[in-house]
Amino acid sequence: MDDLKSRVAYVKGLAEGLGLDDSSREGKLFRHMIDLFDALADAVTKLQEDYADLADYTEAIDEDLNDLEDDFYDGMDEEDEDGDEEEMDFADDDEMFSVECPECHEIVYIDDDMLEDDDVVEILCPNCERVVFVNDKEDYEDFGEYTEEEKKEAE
């Protein structure tokens, strides 16, 4: 924004070269207008500097987010160059098991740590939100549907 500051300085020089008297009405008007231009040029310069700082900061956040996404989603349902989807690879992870949703057939991966709690935990399918696993140590048909006894009780 050096161009704006230099233009204000040029106008100041022109006003001084004209020899306007600061005691006259026209001289006061020009002096105040030039001071206003100078203040506006300073404000615009400051705004542009702040904008450049925010743009740099936003770019850094975007790069950090991309790094986190790469780390988090590494190997998860990515499409390869042929357009085929690759399944998640949990072969090395002994603390995970998978369950297929009986309704939408989505594979749901469950971490053993989620089931160590003494409370009853229901795992929902992220696709259709149907219960796919319950850790209450009771036998449920199709993970979450009623048993024959419960169906009879409900009728």
Protein backbone atom coordinates (compact mmCIF):
# COMPACT_ATOMS: atom_id res chain seq x y z
CA MET A 1 0.00 0.00 0.00
CA ASP A 2 3.00 2.23 -0.44
CA ASP A 3 1.28 3.64 -3.50
CA LEU A 4 -1.58 5.06 -1.41
CA LYS A 5 0.80 6.59 1.15
CA SER A 6 2.91 8.12 -1.61
CA ARG A 7 -0.18 9.60 -3.26
CA VAL A 8 -1.24 11.21 0.04
CA ALA A 9 2.28 12.60 0.42
CA TYR A 10 2.07 13.99 -3.13
CA VAL A 11 -1.25 15.73 -2.33
CA LYS A 12 0.34 17.18 0.84
CA GLY A 13 3.19 18.56 -1.27
CA LEU A 14 0.79 20.07 -3.79
CA ALA A 15 -1.17 21.76 -1.00
CA GLU A 16 2.01 23.20 0.50
CA GLY A 17 3.21 24.29 -2.95
CA LEU A 18 -0.03 26.20 -3.54
CA GLY A 19 0.68 28.20 -0.43
CA LEU A 20 -2.81 27.79 1.00
CA ASP A 21 -3.26 29.74 4.19
CA ASP A 22 -4.37 27.55 7.10
CA SER A 23 -6.32 30.48 8.53
CA SER A 24 -8.61 30.72 5.46
CA ARG A 25 -11.68 28.52 5.09
CA GLU A 26 -10.31 26.81 1.99
CA GLY A 27 -6.94 26.21 3.65
CA LYS A 28 -8.60 24.63 6.71
CA LEU A 29 -10.75 22.45 4.47
CA PHE A 30 -7.79 21.20 2.44
CA ARG A 31 -5.64 20.62 5.55
CA HIS A 32 -8.40 18.52 7.21
CA MET A 33 -9.06 16.59 4.01
CA ILE A 34 -5.35 15.80 3.64
CA ASP A 35 -5.16 14.70 7.29
CA LEU A 36 -8.23 12.50 6.72
CA PHE A 37 -6.61 10.96 3.62
CA ASP A 38 -3.47 10.26 5.62
CA ALA A 39 -5.46 8.58 8.43
CA LEU A 40 -7.42 6.50 5.90
CA ALA A 41 -4.21 5.44 4.16
CA ASP A 42 -2.78 4.32 7.54
CA ALA A 43 -5.96 2.36 8.35
CA VAL A 44 -6.02 0.66 4.94
CA THR A 45 -2.34 -0.23 5.27
CA LYS A 46 -2.98 -1.75 8.73
CA LEU A 47 -5.99 -3.71 7.42
CA GLN A 48 -3.95 -5.09 4.54
CA GLU A 49 -1.18 -6.20 6.91
CA ASP A 50 -3.74 -7.88 9.19
CA TYR A 51 -5.36 -9.56 6.19
CA ALA A 52 -2.00 -10.92 5.03
CA ASP A 53 -1.33 -12.26 8.55
CA LEU A 54 -4.75 -13.94 8.65
CA ALA A 55 -4.23 -15.45 5.21
CA ASP A 56 -0.88 -16.90 6.33
CA TYR A 57 -2.43 -18.21 9.55
CA THR A 58 -5.36 -19.77 7.67
CA GLU A 59 -2.97 -21.45 5.24
CA ALA A 60 -0.96 -22.87 8.16
CA ILE A 61 -4.15 -24.20 9.80
CA ASP A 62 -5.22 -25.75 6.50
CA GLU A 63 -1.86 -27.49 6.12
CA ASP A 64 -2.06 -28.78 9.71
CA LEU A 65 -5.59 -30.03 9.12
CA ASN A 66 -4.50 -31.82 5.96
CA ASP A 67 -1.68 -33.48 7.90
CA LEU A 68 -4.12 -34.58 10.61
CA GLU A 69 -6.56 -35.93 8.02
CA ASP A 70 -3.76 -37.84 6.33
CA ASP A 71 -2.69 -39.34 9.66
CA PHE A 72 -6.24 -40.13 10.81
CA TYR A 73 -7.70 -41.45 7.57
CA ASP A 74 -4.57 -43.31 6.46
CA GLY A 75 -5.83 -46.53 4.86
CA MET A 76 -9.52 -45.95 5.55
CA ASP A 77 -11.88 -46.49 2.60
CA GLU A 78 -9.74 -44.56 0.17
CA GLU A 79 -10.34 -44.81 -3.54
CA ASP A 80 -7.29 -45.88 -5.46
CA GLU A 81 -6.40 -44.68 -8.94
CA ASP A 82 -8.65 -47.31 -10.56
CA GLY A 83 -11.68 -46.02 -8.66
CA ASP A 84 -11.92 -49.20 -6.57
CA GLU A 85 -12.41 -48.74 -2.87
CA GLU A 86 -9.85 -50.25 -0.56
CA GLU A 87 -11.07 -51.72 2.71
CA MET A 88 -9.57 -50.68 6.00
CA ASP A 89 -6.61 -52.81 7.01
CA PHE A 90 -6.89 -53.88 10.64
CA ALA A 91 -4.95 -57.13 10.26
CA ASP A 92 -2.21 -55.86 12.56
CA ASP A 93 -4.63 -54.47 15.13
CA ASP A 94 -5.68 -57.18 17.61
CA GLU A 95 -7.99 -54.87 19.50
CA MET A 96 -10.53 -54.42 16.68
CA PHE A 97 -13.24 -56.61 15.27
CA SER A 98 -15.87 -56.01 12.64
CA VAL A 99 -19.60 -56.60 12.41
CA GLU A 100 -21.74 -56.33 9.31
CA CYS A 101 -24.91 -54.29 9.65
CA PRO A 102 -27.87 -56.61 8.93
CA GLU A 103 -29.83 -53.80 7.31
CA CYS A 104 -27.44 -51.86 5.05
CA HIS A 105 -24.52 -54.38 5.07
CA GLU A 106 -22.02 -51.70 6.11
CA ILE A 107 -18.96 -53.10 7.88
CA VAL A 108 -18.72 -51.56 11.36
CA TYR A 109 -15.35 -51.75 13.13
CA ILE A 110 -15.49 -51.98 16.92
CA ASP A 111 -12.61 -51.34 19.28
CA ASP A 112 -12.35 -53.74 22.24
CA ASP A 113 -11.67 -50.79 24.53
CA MET A 114 -15.21 -49.53 23.90
CA LEU A 115 -16.61 -52.73 25.40
CA GLU A 116 -14.54 -52.90 28.58
CA ASP A 117 -16.97 -50.69 30.46
CA ASP A 118 -19.42 -52.43 32.82
CA ASP A 119 -22.31 -50.43 31.37
CA VAL A 120 -24.36 -51.72 28.48
CA VAL A 121 -23.02 -50.32 25.23
CA GLU A 122 -24.94 -50.36 21.97
CA ILE A 123 -22.91 -49.88 18.80
CA LEU A 124 -24.83 -48.18 15.99
CA CYS A 125 -24.21 -48.45 12.28
CA PRO A 126 -22.85 -45.07 11.12
CA ASN A 127 -24.75 -45.43 7.85
CA CYS A 128 -28.30 -46.34 8.92
CA GLU A 129 -28.01 -45.88 12.71
CA ARG A 130 -29.30 -49.37 13.46
CA VAL A 131 -27.96 -51.23 16.49
CA VAL A 132 -25.34 -53.70 15.23
CA PHE A 133 -23.83 -54.83 18.54
CA VAL A 134 -24.84 -54.84 22.21
CA ASN A 135 -22.39 -55.85 24.94
CA ASP A 136 -24.98 -56.80 27.56
CA LYS A 137 -24.01 -60.50 27.38
CA GLU A 138 -27.54 -61.52 26.37
CA ASP A 139 -28.29 -63.32 23.15
CA TYR A 140 -29.99 -60.99 20.72
CA GLU A 141 -31.02 -62.09 17.29
CA ASP A 142 -29.32 -60.01 14.58
CA PHE A 143 -27.69 -57.77 17.21
CA GLY A 144 -30.43 -55.56 18.48
CA GLU A 145 -33.68 -57.14 17.32
CA TYR A 146 -36.00 -58.63 19.89
CA THR A 147 -35.72 -62.25 20.96
CA GLU A 148 -38.78 -64.47 20.46
CA GLU A 149 -39.72 -64.01 24.15
CA GLU A 150 -39.52 -60.25 23.91
CA LYS A 151 -41.61 -60.27 20.73
CA LYS A 152 -44.31 -62.26 22.54
CA GLU A 153 -44.17 -59.93 25.55
CA ALA A 154 -44.56 -56.87 23.31
CA GLU A 155 -47.71 -58.29 21.70
